[in-house]
């Protein structure tokens, strides 16, 4: 696995879609309708799918944090920098002042907090095993 933080890729996707004029105007657009067995209909928006991408990224990032190698600290530092970029954009750009971007920023924060915690716990367990 690479040291590229997946949240940076989600952020890059959001930025590209903003620069081409797709977001934020179409965040609430419904790209598909999913009929449910309950006879209800689910109508996820583009913003919902972006949050799903963030949740998938969070899952893989937490998995990556369980690995202990020479690049673990660098990965955590880069993830922290990505969180700072998310925060700056969310706080100063009007087009990012929406619940979808706020949730992605929150996920980036959870990634950093959980990443340090999981890396610390994995390193501690590794040290205990080597005794």
N, C-alpha and C. Protein backbone atom coordinates (compact mmCIF):
# COMPACT_ATOMS: atom_id res chain seq x y z
N UNK A 1 0.84 -1.19 0.00
CA UNK A 1 0.00 0.00 0.00
C UNK A 1 0.88 1.24 0.00
N UNK A 2 0.39 2.27 -0.60
CA UNK A 2 1.17 3.50 -0.69
C UNK A 2 0.90 4.39 0.52
N UNK A 3 1.71 5.45 0.62
CA UNK A 3 1.50 6.38 1.73
C UNK A 3 0.55 7.51 1.34
N UNK A 4 -0.01 7.43 0.14
CA UNK A 4 -0.97 8.45 -0.28
C UNK A 4 -2.23 8.34 0.57
N UNK A 5 -2.57 9.40 1.30
CA UNK A 5 -3.80 9.34 2.10
C UNK A 5 -5.02 9.34 1.18
N UNK A 6 -5.91 8.40 1.41
CA UNK A 6 -7.09 8.28 0.56
C UNK A 6 -8.01 9.49 0.70
N UNK A 7 -7.96 10.16 1.86
CA UNK A 7 -8.77 11.36 2.02
C UNK A 7 -8.28 12.49 1.13
N UNK A 8 -7.01 12.46 0.76
CA UNK A 8 -6.51 13.44 -0.20
C UNK A 8 -7.14 13.19 -1.57
N UNK A 9 -7.35 11.92 -1.91
CA UNK A 9 -7.99 11.60 -3.19
C UNK A 9 -9.46 12.01 -3.19
N UNK A 10 -10.15 11.81 -2.07
CA UNK A 10 -11.55 12.25 -1.96
C UNK A 10 -11.62 13.78 -2.07
N UNK A 11 -10.69 14.46 -1.41
CA UNK A 11 -10.63 15.93 -1.49
C UNK A 11 -10.34 16.37 -2.92
N UNK A 12 -9.41 15.70 -3.58
CA UNK A 12 -9.08 16.03 -4.96
C UNK A 12 -10.29 15.83 -5.87
N UNK A 13 -11.04 14.76 -5.65
CA UNK A 13 -12.26 14.52 -6.42
C UNK A 13 -13.25 15.65 -6.22
N UNK A 14 -13.46 16.06 -4.97
CA UNK A 14 -14.38 17.16 -4.67
C UNK A 14 -13.92 18.45 -5.35
N UNK A 15 -12.61 18.74 -5.25
CA UNK A 15 -12.07 19.96 -5.85
C UNK A 15 -12.22 19.97 -7.36
N UNK A 16 -11.93 18.84 -8.00
CA UNK A 16 -12.06 18.76 -9.46
C UNK A 16 -13.52 18.96 -9.86
N UNK A 17 -14.43 18.31 -9.15
CA UNK A 17 -15.85 18.48 -9.46
C UNK A 17 -16.32 19.91 -9.21
N UNK A 18 -15.72 20.58 -8.25
CA UNK A 18 -16.03 21.99 -8.03
C UNK A 18 -15.49 22.84 -9.17
N UNK A 19 -14.25 22.60 -9.57
CA UNK A 19 -13.62 23.42 -10.61
C UNK A 19 -14.31 23.28 -11.96
N UNK A 20 -14.90 22.12 -12.23
CA UNK A 20 -15.61 21.97 -13.50
C UNK A 20 -17.06 22.43 -13.40
N UNK A 21 -17.45 22.94 -12.22
CA UNK A 21 -18.78 23.50 -12.05
C UNK A 21 -19.85 22.51 -11.63
N UNK A 22 -19.45 21.29 -11.30
CA UNK A 22 -20.43 20.27 -10.91
C UNK A 22 -20.91 20.46 -9.48
N UNK A 23 -19.97 20.75 -8.57
CA UNK A 23 -20.29 21.01 -7.17
C UNK A 23 -20.13 22.48 -6.92
N UNK A 24 -20.84 23.10 -6.03
CA UNK A 24 -21.86 22.55 -5.15
C UNK A 24 -23.25 22.52 -5.75
N UNK A 25 -23.40 23.02 -6.98
CA UNK A 25 -24.73 23.14 -7.57
C UNK A 25 -25.47 21.80 -7.65
N UNK A 26 -24.74 20.72 -7.90
CA UNK A 26 -25.40 19.43 -8.10
C UNK A 26 -25.26 18.48 -6.92
N UNK A 27 -24.81 18.98 -5.77
CA UNK A 27 -24.67 18.11 -4.60
C UNK A 27 -25.99 17.44 -4.23
N UNK A 28 -27.08 18.15 -4.40
CA UNK A 28 -28.39 17.62 -4.01
C UNK A 28 -29.09 16.89 -5.15
N UNK A 29 -28.46 16.82 -6.33
CA UNK A 29 -29.07 16.11 -7.45
C UNK A 29 -29.08 14.61 -7.18
N UNK A 30 -30.08 13.94 -7.68
CA UNK A 30 -30.25 12.50 -7.45
C UNK A 30 -29.84 11.76 -8.73
N UNK A 31 -28.69 11.07 -8.71
CA UNK A 31 -28.22 10.40 -9.93
C UNK A 31 -28.95 9.10 -10.24
N UNK A 32 -29.49 8.43 -9.22
CA UNK A 32 -30.24 7.20 -9.45
C UNK A 32 -31.24 6.99 -8.33
N UNK A 33 -32.26 6.23 -8.67
CA UNK A 33 -33.32 5.90 -7.72
C UNK A 33 -33.25 4.40 -7.48
N UNK A 34 -33.22 4.01 -6.21
CA UNK A 34 -33.08 2.59 -5.87
C UNK A 34 -34.36 2.10 -5.21
N UNK A 35 -35.11 1.21 -5.90
CA UNK A 35 -36.31 0.65 -5.27
C UNK A 35 -35.90 -0.32 -4.16
N UNK A 36 -36.61 -0.25 -3.06
CA UNK A 36 -36.30 -1.08 -1.90
C UNK A 36 -37.34 -2.19 -1.75
N UNK A 37 -36.96 -3.30 -1.10
CA UNK A 37 -37.93 -4.39 -0.89
C UNK A 37 -39.15 -3.94 -0.08
N UNK A 38 -39.02 -2.89 0.71
CA UNK A 38 -40.13 -2.39 1.53
C UNK A 38 -41.13 -1.58 0.72
N UNK A 39 -40.93 -1.52 -0.58
CA UNK A 39 -41.74 -0.72 -1.50
C UNK A 39 -41.40 0.76 -1.43
N UNK A 40 -40.47 1.11 -0.55
CA UNK A 40 -39.98 2.48 -0.51
C UNK A 40 -38.95 2.70 -1.61
N UNK A 41 -38.56 3.93 -1.77
CA UNK A 41 -37.57 4.27 -2.79
C UNK A 41 -36.47 5.10 -2.15
N UNK A 42 -35.24 4.67 -2.36
CA UNK A 42 -34.10 5.41 -1.83
C UNK A 42 -33.57 6.32 -2.94
N UNK A 43 -33.32 7.58 -2.59
CA UNK A 43 -32.86 8.57 -3.57
C UNK A 43 -31.56 9.23 -3.08
N UNK A 44 -30.44 8.50 -3.16
CA UNK A 44 -29.17 9.10 -2.71
C UNK A 44 -28.71 10.19 -3.67
N UNK A 45 -28.19 11.27 -3.09
CA UNK A 45 -27.70 12.39 -3.89
C UNK A 45 -26.22 12.19 -4.20
N UNK A 46 -25.69 13.06 -5.06
CA UNK A 46 -24.25 13.02 -5.33
C UNK A 46 -23.45 13.26 -4.05
N UNK A 47 -23.95 14.13 -3.20
CA UNK A 47 -23.30 14.39 -1.92
C UNK A 47 -23.27 13.15 -1.04
N UNK A 48 -24.37 12.39 -1.06
CA UNK A 48 -24.42 11.14 -0.30
C UNK A 48 -23.35 10.17 -0.79
N UNK A 49 -23.19 10.08 -2.11
CA UNK A 49 -22.19 9.17 -2.67
C UNK A 49 -20.78 9.64 -2.32
N UNK A 50 -20.59 10.93 -2.22
CA UNK A 50 -19.28 11.45 -1.81
C UNK A 50 -18.99 11.06 -0.35
N UNK A 51 -20.01 11.11 0.50
CA UNK A 51 -19.84 10.68 1.89
C UNK A 51 -19.54 9.18 1.94
N UNK A 52 -20.18 8.39 1.08
CA UNK A 52 -19.88 6.96 1.01
C UNK A 52 -18.41 6.75 0.63
N UNK A 53 -17.92 7.53 -0.33
CA UNK A 53 -16.50 7.45 -0.71
C UNK A 53 -15.62 7.78 0.49
N UNK A 54 -16.02 8.77 1.28
CA UNK A 54 -15.27 9.13 2.48
C UNK A 54 -15.27 8.01 3.51
N UNK A 55 -16.41 7.33 3.68
CA UNK A 55 -16.48 6.22 4.62
C UNK A 55 -15.59 5.05 4.17
N UNK A 56 -15.58 4.78 2.87
CA UNK A 56 -14.70 3.73 2.36
C UNK A 56 -13.24 4.11 2.58
N UNK A 57 -12.91 5.37 2.32
CA UNK A 57 -11.53 5.84 2.55
C UNK A 57 -11.16 5.70 4.02
N UNK A 58 -12.09 6.05 4.92
CA UNK A 58 -11.82 5.94 6.35
C UNK A 58 -11.54 4.49 6.74
N UNK A 59 -12.32 3.57 6.21
CA UNK A 59 -12.11 2.15 6.50
C UNK A 59 -10.71 1.71 6.08
N UNK A 60 -10.30 2.03 4.87
CA UNK A 60 -8.98 1.62 4.38
C UNK A 60 -7.86 2.34 5.13
N UNK A 61 -8.08 3.59 5.49
CA UNK A 61 -7.05 4.32 6.23
C UNK A 61 -6.83 3.72 7.62
N UNK A 62 -7.90 3.32 8.28
CA UNK A 62 -7.74 2.70 9.60
C UNK A 62 -7.04 1.35 9.45
N UNK A 63 -7.35 0.62 8.39
CA UNK A 63 -6.64 -0.63 8.13
C UNK A 63 -5.15 -0.37 7.90
N UNK A 64 -4.84 0.67 7.12
CA UNK A 64 -3.44 1.01 6.86
C UNK A 64 -2.71 1.38 8.15
N UNK A 65 -3.42 1.94 9.11
CA UNK A 65 -2.78 2.36 10.36
C UNK A 65 -2.32 1.17 11.20
N UNK A 66 -2.83 -0.01 10.92
CA UNK A 66 -2.42 -1.19 11.69
C UNK A 66 -1.03 -1.68 11.29
N UNK A 67 -0.54 -1.23 10.15
CA UNK A 67 0.80 -1.64 9.72
C UNK A 67 1.84 -0.77 10.40
N UNK A 68 2.89 -1.40 10.86
CA UNK A 68 3.99 -0.67 11.48
C UNK A 68 5.20 -0.82 10.57
N UNK A 69 5.66 0.29 10.05
CA UNK A 69 6.88 0.29 9.24
C UNK A 69 7.53 1.65 9.34
N UNK A 70 8.57 1.86 8.54
CA UNK A 70 9.30 3.12 8.60
C UNK A 70 8.47 4.31 8.14
N UNK A 71 7.42 4.05 7.37
CA UNK A 71 6.63 5.15 6.82
C UNK A 71 5.38 5.47 7.64
N UNK A 72 5.15 4.75 8.72
CA UNK A 72 3.93 4.94 9.51
C UNK A 72 3.78 6.37 10.01
N UNK A 73 4.85 6.93 10.55
CA UNK A 73 4.79 8.30 11.07
C UNK A 73 4.57 9.28 9.93
N UNK A 74 5.24 9.06 8.79
CA UNK A 74 5.06 9.93 7.63
C UNK A 74 3.61 9.90 7.16
N UNK A 75 3.01 8.72 7.15
CA UNK A 75 1.59 8.60 6.77
C UNK A 75 0.71 9.43 7.70
N UNK A 76 0.96 9.37 9.00
CA UNK A 76 0.17 10.12 9.97
C UNK A 76 0.36 11.63 9.78
N UNK A 77 1.58 12.05 9.50
CA UNK A 77 1.85 13.48 9.29
C UNK A 77 1.13 13.97 8.03
N UNK A 78 1.19 13.19 6.96
CA UNK A 78 0.52 13.59 5.72
C UNK A 78 -0.99 13.63 5.94
N UNK A 79 -1.54 12.66 6.67
CA UNK A 79 -2.97 12.67 6.97
C UNK A 79 -3.36 13.90 7.78
N UNK A 80 -2.49 14.31 8.68
CA UNK A 80 -2.74 15.52 9.47
C UNK A 80 -2.75 16.75 8.57
N UNK A 81 -1.84 16.82 7.62
CA UNK A 81 -1.81 17.94 6.68
C UNK A 81 -3.07 17.96 5.82
N UNK A 82 -3.53 16.78 5.40
CA UNK A 82 -4.78 16.71 4.63
C UNK A 82 -5.95 17.22 5.47
N UNK A 83 -5.99 16.85 6.75
CA UNK A 83 -7.04 17.36 7.64
C UNK A 83 -6.99 18.88 7.72
N UNK A 84 -5.81 19.45 7.82
CA UNK A 84 -5.66 20.91 7.89
C UNK A 84 -6.20 21.55 6.62
N UNK A 85 -5.93 20.94 5.46
CA UNK A 85 -6.45 21.47 4.20
C UNK A 85 -7.98 21.40 4.20
N UNK A 86 -8.54 20.27 4.63
CA UNK A 86 -10.00 20.15 4.74
C UNK A 86 -10.57 21.27 5.61
N UNK A 87 -9.98 21.47 6.79
CA UNK A 87 -10.47 22.50 7.71
C UNK A 87 -10.41 23.89 7.11
N UNK A 88 -9.29 24.22 6.48
CA UNK A 88 -9.14 25.55 5.88
C UNK A 88 -10.19 25.76 4.80
N UNK A 89 -10.34 24.78 3.92
CA UNK A 89 -11.33 24.92 2.84
C UNK A 89 -12.73 25.04 3.42
N UNK A 90 -13.07 24.19 4.39
CA UNK A 90 -14.41 24.21 4.97
C UNK A 90 -14.72 25.55 5.65
N UNK A 91 -13.71 26.14 6.28
CA UNK A 91 -13.92 27.38 7.02
C UNK A 91 -13.91 28.63 6.15
N UNK A 92 -13.18 28.64 5.04
CA UNK A 92 -13.04 29.89 4.29
C UNK A 92 -13.68 29.89 2.90
N UNK A 93 -14.06 28.75 2.38
CA UNK A 93 -14.66 28.71 1.04
C UNK A 93 -16.17 28.54 1.14
N UNK A 94 -16.94 29.47 0.59
CA UNK A 94 -18.40 29.38 0.69
C UNK A 94 -18.96 28.12 0.02
N UNK A 95 -18.33 27.65 -1.05
CA UNK A 95 -18.83 26.46 -1.74
C UNK A 95 -18.62 25.18 -0.94
N UNK A 96 -17.81 25.24 0.12
CA UNK A 96 -17.58 24.06 0.96
C UNK A 96 -18.41 24.12 2.25
N UNK A 97 -19.22 25.15 2.39
CA UNK A 97 -20.04 25.31 3.60
C UNK A 97 -21.32 24.51 3.47
N UNK A 98 -21.17 23.20 3.47
CA UNK A 98 -22.32 22.31 3.40
C UNK A 98 -22.07 21.08 4.27
N UNK A 99 -23.12 20.36 4.55
CA UNK A 99 -23.00 19.22 5.46
C UNK A 99 -22.13 18.11 4.89
N UNK A 100 -22.10 17.96 3.57
CA UNK A 100 -21.29 16.91 2.97
C UNK A 100 -19.80 17.16 3.22
N UNK A 101 -19.37 18.39 2.96
CA UNK A 101 -17.96 18.70 3.17
C UNK A 101 -17.62 18.67 4.66
N UNK A 102 -18.56 19.09 5.50
CA UNK A 102 -18.34 19.02 6.95
C UNK A 102 -18.16 17.57 7.39
N UNK A 103 -18.97 16.66 6.85
CA UNK A 103 -18.83 15.25 7.20
C UNK A 103 -17.50 14.68 6.71
N UNK A 104 -17.07 15.08 5.52
CA UNK A 104 -15.76 14.63 5.02
C UNK A 104 -14.64 15.16 5.91
N UNK A 105 -14.78 16.41 6.37
CA UNK A 105 -13.79 16.99 7.28
C UNK A 105 -13.78 16.23 8.60
N UNK A 106 -14.95 15.90 9.11
CA UNK A 106 -15.04 15.12 10.34
C UNK A 106 -14.40 13.74 10.16
N UNK A 107 -14.64 13.11 9.02
CA UNK A 107 -14.02 11.81 8.75
C UNK A 107 -12.51 11.93 8.67
N UNK A 108 -12.01 13.02 8.09
CA UNK A 108 -10.56 13.23 8.04
C UNK A 108 -10.00 13.39 9.45
N UNK A 109 -10.76 14.06 10.33
CA UNK A 109 -10.34 14.19 11.73
C UNK A 109 -10.32 12.82 12.42
N UNK A 110 -11.38 12.04 12.22
CA UNK A 110 -11.43 10.70 12.81
C UNK A 110 -10.28 9.85 12.29
N UNK A 111 -9.96 10.00 11.00
CA UNK A 111 -8.84 9.28 10.42
C UNK A 111 -7.54 9.61 11.14
N UNK A 112 -7.30 10.89 11.40
CA UNK A 112 -6.06 11.29 12.08
C UNK A 112 -6.05 10.77 13.51
N UNK A 113 -7.15 10.98 14.24
CA UNK A 113 -7.20 10.54 15.64
C UNK A 113 -7.09 9.03 15.75
N UNK A 114 -7.87 8.31 14.96
CA UNK A 114 -7.83 6.85 15.00
C UNK A 114 -6.50 6.33 14.47
N UNK A 115 -5.95 7.01 13.48
CA UNK A 115 -4.67 6.57 12.92
C UNK A 115 -3.57 6.59 13.95
N UNK A 116 -3.47 7.69 14.69
CA UNK A 116 -2.45 7.76 15.74
C UNK A 116 -2.72 6.72 16.83
N UNK A 117 -3.98 6.56 17.21
CA UNK A 117 -4.33 5.61 18.26
C UNK A 117 -4.02 4.18 17.84
N UNK A 118 -4.45 3.81 16.64
CA UNK A 118 -4.24 2.45 16.15
C UNK A 118 -2.76 2.18 15.94
N UNK A 119 -2.04 3.14 15.37
CA UNK A 119 -0.60 2.96 15.17
C UNK A 119 0.11 2.79 16.50
N UNK A 120 -0.26 3.59 17.49
CA UNK A 120 0.34 3.47 18.83
C UNK A 120 0.05 2.10 19.43
N UNK A 121 -1.22 1.67 19.35
CA UNK A 121 -1.59 0.37 19.92
C UNK A 121 -0.88 -0.77 19.20
N UNK A 122 -0.77 -0.69 17.88
CA UNK A 122 -0.09 -1.74 17.12
C UNK A 122 1.40 -1.77 17.45
N UNK A 123 2.00 -0.60 17.59
CA UNK A 123 3.42 -0.54 17.94
C UNK A 123 3.64 -1.09 19.35
N UNK A 124 2.76 -0.76 20.27
CA UNK A 124 2.87 -1.24 21.65
C UNK A 124 2.74 -2.77 21.68
N UNK A 125 1.78 -3.29 20.93
CA UNK A 125 1.60 -4.75 20.86
C UNK A 125 2.82 -5.41 20.24
N UNK A 126 3.37 -4.78 19.23
CA UNK A 126 4.57 -5.32 18.58
C UNK A 126 5.74 -5.35 19.54
N UNK A 127 5.90 -4.32 20.35
CA UNK A 127 6.98 -4.29 21.34
C UNK A 127 6.76 -5.35 22.41
N UNK A 128 5.52 -5.54 22.84
CA UNK A 128 5.22 -6.56 23.85
C UNK A 128 5.49 -7.96 23.33
N UNK A 129 5.24 -8.20 22.05
CA UNK A 129 5.49 -9.51 21.47
C UNK A 129 6.97 -9.81 21.35
N UNK A 130 7.77 -8.77 21.16
CA UNK A 130 9.20 -8.99 20.97
C UNK A 130 9.95 -9.19 22.28
N UNK A 131 9.29 -9.01 23.42
CA UNK A 131 9.94 -9.20 24.73
C UNK A 131 10.05 -10.65 25.09
